[in-house]
Amino acid sequence: MDRMMTIKDFARRFGIGRSTVYRENAKGALPFRKIGRATRIAESDASRWFANLRQS
């Protein structure tokens, strides 16, 4: 199982705002997973998102 992080943790780690995280999700570039009422991002998805930024 992949390690999961919160939206807040993801935004802090990559130095972006929460609204940018949600915008990336809306574009389909960053998938979220709902666990009950909590929203989480998998480490592998975060790494893939960052790698795609560097290639663009």
PDB file of N, CA and C in Angstrom:
ATOM      1  N   MET A   1       0.841  -1.190   0.000  1.00  0.00           N
ATOM      2  CA  MET A   1       0.000   0.000   0.000  1.00  0.00           C
ATOM      3  C   MET A   1       0.880   1.245   0.000  1.00  0.00           C
ATOM      4  N   ASP A   2       0.510   2.167  -0.817  1.00  0.00           N
ATOM      5  CA  ASP A   2       1.217   3.432  -0.953  1.00  0.00           C
ATOM      6  C   ASP A   2       0.979   4.323   0.262  1.00  0.00           C
ATOM      7  N   ARG A   3       1.978   5.089   0.657  1.00  0.00           N
ATOM      8  CA  ARG A   3       1.810   6.063   1.737  1.00  0.00           C
ATOM      9  C   ARG A   3       0.917   7.181   1.223  1.00  0.00           C
ATOM     10  N   MET A   4       0.020   7.669   2.076  1.00  0.00           N
ATOM     11  CA  MET A   4      -0.941   8.703   1.691  1.00  0.00           C
ATOM     12  C   MET A   4      -0.620  10.002   2.425  1.00  0.00           C
ATOM     13  N   MET A   5      -0.927  11.126   1.780  1.00  0.00           N
ATOM     14  CA  MET A   5      -0.723  12.422   2.427  1.00  0.00           C
ATOM     15  C   MET A   5      -1.971  13.282   2.255  1.00  0.00           C
ATOM     16  N   THR A   6      -2.132  14.215   3.146  1.00  0.00           N
ATOM     17  CA  THR A   6      -3.265  15.129   3.070  1.00  0.00           C
ATOM     18  C   THR A   6      -3.004  16.194   2.008  1.00  0.00           C
ATOM     19  N   ILE A   7      -4.049  16.930   1.672  1.00  0.00           N
ATOM     20  CA  ILE A   7      -3.922  18.046   0.740  1.00  0.00           C
ATOM     21  C   ILE A   7      -2.934  19.072   1.307  1.00  0.00           C
ATOM     22  N   LYS A   8      -3.065  19.352   2.585  1.00  0.00           N
ATOM     23  CA  LYS A   8      -2.193  20.321   3.259  1.00  0.00           C
ATOM     24  C   LYS A   8      -0.731  19.876   3.207  1.00  0.00           C
ATOM     25  N   ASP A   9      -0.471  18.600   3.492  1.00  0.00           N
ATOM     26  CA  ASP A   9       0.890  18.070   3.442  1.00  0.00           C
ATOM     27  C   ASP A   9       1.462  18.147   2.032  1.00  0.00           C
ATOM     28  N   PHE A  10       0.635  17.798   1.043  1.00  0.00           N
ATOM     29  CA  PHE A  10       1.072  17.840  -0.353  1.00  0.00           C
ATOM     30  C   PHE A  10       1.434  19.269  -0.760  1.00  0.00           C
ATOM     31  N   ALA A  11       0.560  20.220  -0.433  1.00  0.00           N
ATOM     32  CA  ALA A  11       0.793  21.624  -0.786  1.00  0.00           C
ATOM     33  C   ALA A  11       2.070  22.151  -0.126  1.00  0.00           C
ATOM     34  N   ARG A  12       2.276  21.809   1.128  1.00  0.00           N
ATOM     35  CA  ARG A  12       3.468  22.255   1.843  1.00  0.00           C
ATOM     36  C   ARG A  12       4.726  21.629   1.242  1.00  0.00           C
ATOM     37  N   ARG A  13       4.667  20.345   0.928  1.00  0.00           N
ATOM     38  CA  ARG A  13       5.834  19.629   0.388  1.00  0.00           C
ATOM     39  C   ARG A  13       6.292  20.207  -0.955  1.00  0.00           C
ATOM     40  N   PHE A  14       5.317  20.575  -1.810  1.00  0.00           N
ATOM     41  CA  PHE A  14       5.667  21.052  -3.140  1.00  0.00           C
ATOM     42  C   PHE A  14       5.618  22.579  -3.264  1.00  0.00           C
ATOM     43  N   GLY A  15       5.330  23.262  -2.171  1.00  0.00           N
ATOM     44  CA  GLY A  15       5.378  24.717  -2.159  1.00  0.00           C
ATOM     45  C   GLY A  15       4.313  25.380  -3.014  1.00  0.00           C
ATOM     46  N   ILE A  16       3.118  24.797  -3.022  1.00  0.00           N
ATOM     47  CA  ILE A  16       2.009  25.369  -3.792  1.00  0.00           C
ATOM     48  C   ILE A  16       0.816  25.579  -2.868  1.00  0.00           C
ATOM     49  N   GLY A  17      -0.155  26.335  -3.323  1.00  0.00           N
ATOM     50  CA  GLY A  17      -1.357  26.596  -2.527  1.00  0.00           C
ATOM     51  C   GLY A  17      -2.383  25.484  -2.683  1.00  0.00           C
ATOM     52  N   ARG A  18      -3.305  25.454  -1.725  1.00  0.00           N
ATOM     53  CA  ARG A  18      -4.370  24.443  -1.769  1.00  0.00           C
ATOM     54  C   ARG A  18      -5.218  24.561  -3.021  1.00  0.00           C
ATOM     55  N   SER A  19      -5.508  25.792  -3.443  1.00  0.00           N
ATOM     56  CA  SER A  19      -6.339  25.961  -4.639  1.00  0.00           C
ATOM     57  C   SER A  19      -5.640  25.407  -5.877  1.00  0.00           C
ATOM     58  N   THR A  20      -4.323  25.492  -5.917  1.00  0.00           N
ATOM     59  CA  THR A  20      -3.568  24.917  -7.030  1.00  0.00           C
ATOM     60  C   THR A  20      -3.675  23.403  -7.019  1.00  0.00           C
ATOM     61  N   VAL A  21      -3.668  22.805  -5.839  1.00  0.00           N
ATOM     62  CA  VAL A  21      -3.820  21.349  -5.727  1.00  0.00           C
ATOM     63  C   VAL A  21      -5.172  20.927  -6.292  1.00  0.00           C
ATOM     64  N   TYR A  22      -6.228  21.637  -5.910  1.00  0.00           N
ATOM     65  CA  TYR A  22      -7.564  21.305  -6.417  1.00  0.00           C
ATOM     66  C   TYR A  22      -7.679  21.555  -7.920  1.00  0.00           C
ATOM     67  N   ARG A  23      -7.010  22.596  -8.406  1.00  0.00           N
ATOM     68  CA  ARG A  23      -7.016  22.884  -9.850  1.00  0.00           C
ATOM     69  C   ARG A  23      -6.318  21.767 -10.630  1.00  0.00           C
ATOM     70  N   GLU A  24      -5.206  21.268 -10.104  1.00  0.00           N
ATOM     71  CA  GLU A  24      -4.494  20.157 -10.742  1.00  0.00           C
ATOM     72  C   GLU A  24      -5.364  18.904 -10.772  1.00  0.00           C
ATOM     73  N   ASN A  25      -6.146  18.699  -9.716  1.00  0.00           N
ATOM     74  CA  ASN A  25      -7.064  17.568  -9.681  1.00  0.00           C
ATOM     75  C   ASN A  25      -8.159  17.721 -10.731  1.00  0.00           C
ATOM     76  N   ALA A  26      -8.687  18.926 -10.864  1.00  0.00           N
ATOM     77  CA  ALA A  26      -9.747  19.182 -11.838  1.00  0.00           C
ATOM     78  C   ALA A  26      -9.260  18.968 -13.268  1.00  0.00           C
ATOM     79  N   LYS A  27      -7.984  19.260 -13.516  1.00  0.00           N
ATOM     80  CA  LYS A  27      -7.393  19.032 -14.842  1.00  0.00           C
ATOM     81  C   LYS A  27      -7.152  17.556 -15.118  1.00  0.00           C
ATOM     82  N   GLY A  28      -7.178  16.752 -14.070  1.00  0.00           N
ATOM     83  CA  GLY A  28      -6.917  15.323 -14.222  1.00  0.00           C
ATOM     84  C   GLY A  28      -5.455  14.962 -14.049  1.00  0.00           C
ATOM     85  N   ALA A  29      -4.642  15.924 -13.641  1.00  0.00           N
ATOM     86  CA  ALA A  29      -3.205  15.693 -13.495  1.00  0.00           C
ATOM     87  C   ALA A  29      -2.826  15.089 -12.147  1.00  0.00           C
ATOM     88  N   LEU A  30      -3.708  15.218 -11.160  1.00  0.00           N
ATOM     89  CA  LEU A  30      -3.395  14.763  -9.803  1.00  0.00           C
ATOM     90  C   LEU A  30      -4.609  14.074  -9.193  1.00  0.00           C
ATOM     91  N   PRO A  31      -4.632  12.759  -9.181  1.00  0.00           N
ATOM     92  CA  PRO A  31      -5.799  12.054  -8.617  1.00  0.00           C
ATOM     93  C   PRO A  31      -5.829  12.093  -7.089  1.00  0.00           C
ATOM     94  N   PHE A  32      -7.037  12.192  -6.565  1.00  0.00           N
ATOM     95  CA  PHE A  32      -7.297  12.134  -5.125  1.00  0.00           C
ATOM     96  C   PHE A  32      -7.982  10.814  -4.808  1.00  0.00           C
ATOM     97  N   ARG A  33      -7.898  10.420  -3.551  1.00  0.00           N
ATOM     98  CA  ARG A  33      -8.657   9.272  -3.063  1.00  0.00           C
ATOM     99  C   ARG A  33      -9.430   9.713  -1.832  1.00  0.00           C
ATOM    100  N   LYS A  34     -10.685   9.382  -1.793  1.00  0.00           N
ATOM    101  CA  LYS A  34     -11.495   9.674  -0.622  1.00  0.00           C
ATOM    102  C   LYS A  34     -11.464   8.460   0.295  1.00  0.00           C
ATOM    103  N   ILE A  35     -11.147   8.701   1.550  1.00  0.00           N
ATOM    104  CA  ILE A  35     -11.151   7.661   2.572  1.00  0.00           C
ATOM    105  C   ILE A  35     -12.097   8.171   3.655  1.00  0.00           C
ATOM    106  N   GLY A  36     -13.327   7.708   3.593  1.00  0.00           N
ATOM    107  CA  GLY A  36     -14.351   8.277   4.456  1.00  0.00           C
ATOM    108  C   GLY A  36     -14.584   9.710   4.026  1.00  0.00           C
ATOM    109  N   ARG A  37     -14.454  10.653   4.948  1.00  0.00           N
ATOM    110  CA  ARG A  37     -14.602  12.074   4.612  1.00  0.00           C
ATOM    111  C   ARG A  37     -13.270  12.722   4.262  1.00  0.00           C
ATOM    112  N   ALA A  38     -12.180  12.017   4.469  1.00  0.00           N
ATOM    113  CA  ALA A  38     -10.847  12.570   4.235  1.00  0.00           C
ATOM    114  C   ALA A  38     -10.421  12.413   2.773  1.00  0.00           C
ATOM    115  N   THR A  39      -9.699  13.396   2.274  1.00  0.00           N
ATOM    116  CA  THR A  39      -9.149  13.350   0.926  1.00  0.00           C
ATOM    117  C   THR A  39      -7.644  13.138   1.056  1.00  0.00           C
ATOM    118  N   ARG A  40      -7.130  12.160   0.323  1.00  0.00           N
ATOM    119  CA  ARG A  40      -5.714  11.827   0.407  1.00  0.00           C
ATOM    120  C   ARG A  40      -5.111  11.708  -0.991  1.00  0.00           C
ATOM    121  N   ILE A  41      -3.801  11.935  -1.057  1.00  0.00           N
ATOM    122  CA  ILE A  41      -3.038  11.801  -2.298  1.00  0.00           C
ATOM    123  C   ILE A  41      -1.960  10.760  -2.050  1.00  0.00           C
ATOM    124  N   ALA A  42      -1.858   9.792  -2.940  1.00  0.00           N
ATOM    125  CA  ALA A  42      -0.849   8.739  -2.806  1.00  0.00           C
ATOM    126  C   ALA A  42       0.535   9.289  -3.169  1.00  0.00           C
ATOM    127  N   GLU A  43       1.557   8.814  -2.480  1.00  0.00           N
ATOM    128  CA  GLU A  43       2.940   9.214  -2.761  1.00  0.00           C
ATOM    129  C   GLU A  43       3.304   8.980  -4.220  1.00  0.00           C
ATOM    130  N   SER A  44       2.892   7.848  -4.769  1.00  0.00           N
ATOM    131  CA  SER A  44       3.233   7.541  -6.157  1.00  0.00           C
ATOM    132  C   SER A  44       2.584   8.534  -7.120  1.00  0.00           C
ATOM    133  N   ASP A  45       1.354   8.957  -6.838  1.00  0.00           N
ATOM    134  CA  ASP A  45       0.687   9.960  -7.674  1.00  0.00           C
ATOM    135  C   ASP A  45       1.376  11.311  -7.546  1.00  0.00           C
ATOM    136  N   ALA A  46       1.814  11.652  -6.343  1.00  0.00           N
ATOM    137  CA  ALA A  46       2.530  12.912  -6.130  1.00  0.00           C
ATOM    138  C   ALA A  46       3.846  12.921  -6.898  1.00  0.00           C
ATOM    139  N   SER A  47       4.567  11.825  -6.845  1.00  0.00           N
ATOM    140  CA  SER A  47       5.844  11.728  -7.561  1.00  0.00           C
ATOM    141  C   SER A  47       5.636  11.807  -9.067  1.00  0.00           C
ATOM    142  N   ARG A  48       4.624  11.134  -9.560  1.00  0.00           N
ATOM    143  CA  ARG A  48       4.313  11.159 -10.992  1.00  0.00           C
ATOM    144  C   ARG A  48       3.932  12.571 -11.436  1.00  0.00           C
ATOM    145  N   TRP A  49       3.124  13.264 -10.621  1.00  0.00           N
ATOM    146  CA  TRP A  49       2.726  14.637 -10.918  1.00  0.00           C
ATOM    147  C   TRP A  49       3.955  15.537 -11.015  1.00  0.00           C
ATOM    148  N   PHE A  50       4.862  15.410 -10.050  1.00  0.00           N
ATOM    149  CA  PHE A  50       6.074  16.250 -10.035  1.00  0.00           C
ATOM    150  C   PHE A  50       6.966  15.931 -11.230  1.00  0.00           C
ATOM    151  N   ALA A  51       7.119  14.670 -11.559  1.00  0.00           N
ATOM    152  CA  ALA A  51       7.939  14.285 -12.724  1.00  0.00           C
ATOM    153  C   ALA A  51       7.362  14.857 -14.008  1.00  0.00           C
ATOM    154  N   ASN A  52       6.043  14.868 -14.147  1.00  0.00           N
ATOM    155  CA  ASN A  52       5.406  15.437 -15.331  1.00  0.00           C
ATOM    156  C   ASN A  52       5.601  16.947 -15.414  1.00  0.00           C
ATOM    157  N   LEU A  53       5.671  17.634 -14.280  1.00  0.00           N
ATOM    158  CA  LEU A  53       5.941  19.074 -14.281  1.00  0.00           C
ATOM    159  C   LEU A  53       7.321  19.362 -14.828  1.00  0.00           C
ATOM    160  N   ARG A  54       8.276  18.575 -14.421  1.00  0.00           N
ATOM    161  CA  ARG A  54       9.661  18.809 -14.830  1.00  0.00           C
ATOM    162  C   ARG A  54       9.863  18.523 -16.316  1.00  0.00           C
ATOM    163  N   GLN A  55       9.047  17.658 -16.908  1.00  0.00           N
ATOM    164  CA  GLN A  55       9.163  17.328 -18.326  1.00  0.00           C
ATOM    165  C   GLN A  55       8.510  18.374 -19.205  1.00  0.00           C
ATOM    166  N   SER A  56       7.524  19.069 -18.682  1.00  0.00           N
ATOM    167  CA  SER A  56       6.767  20.047 -19.487  1.00  0.00           C
ATOM    168  C   SER A  56       7.550  21.297 -19.750  1.00  0.00           C
TER     169      SER A  56
END
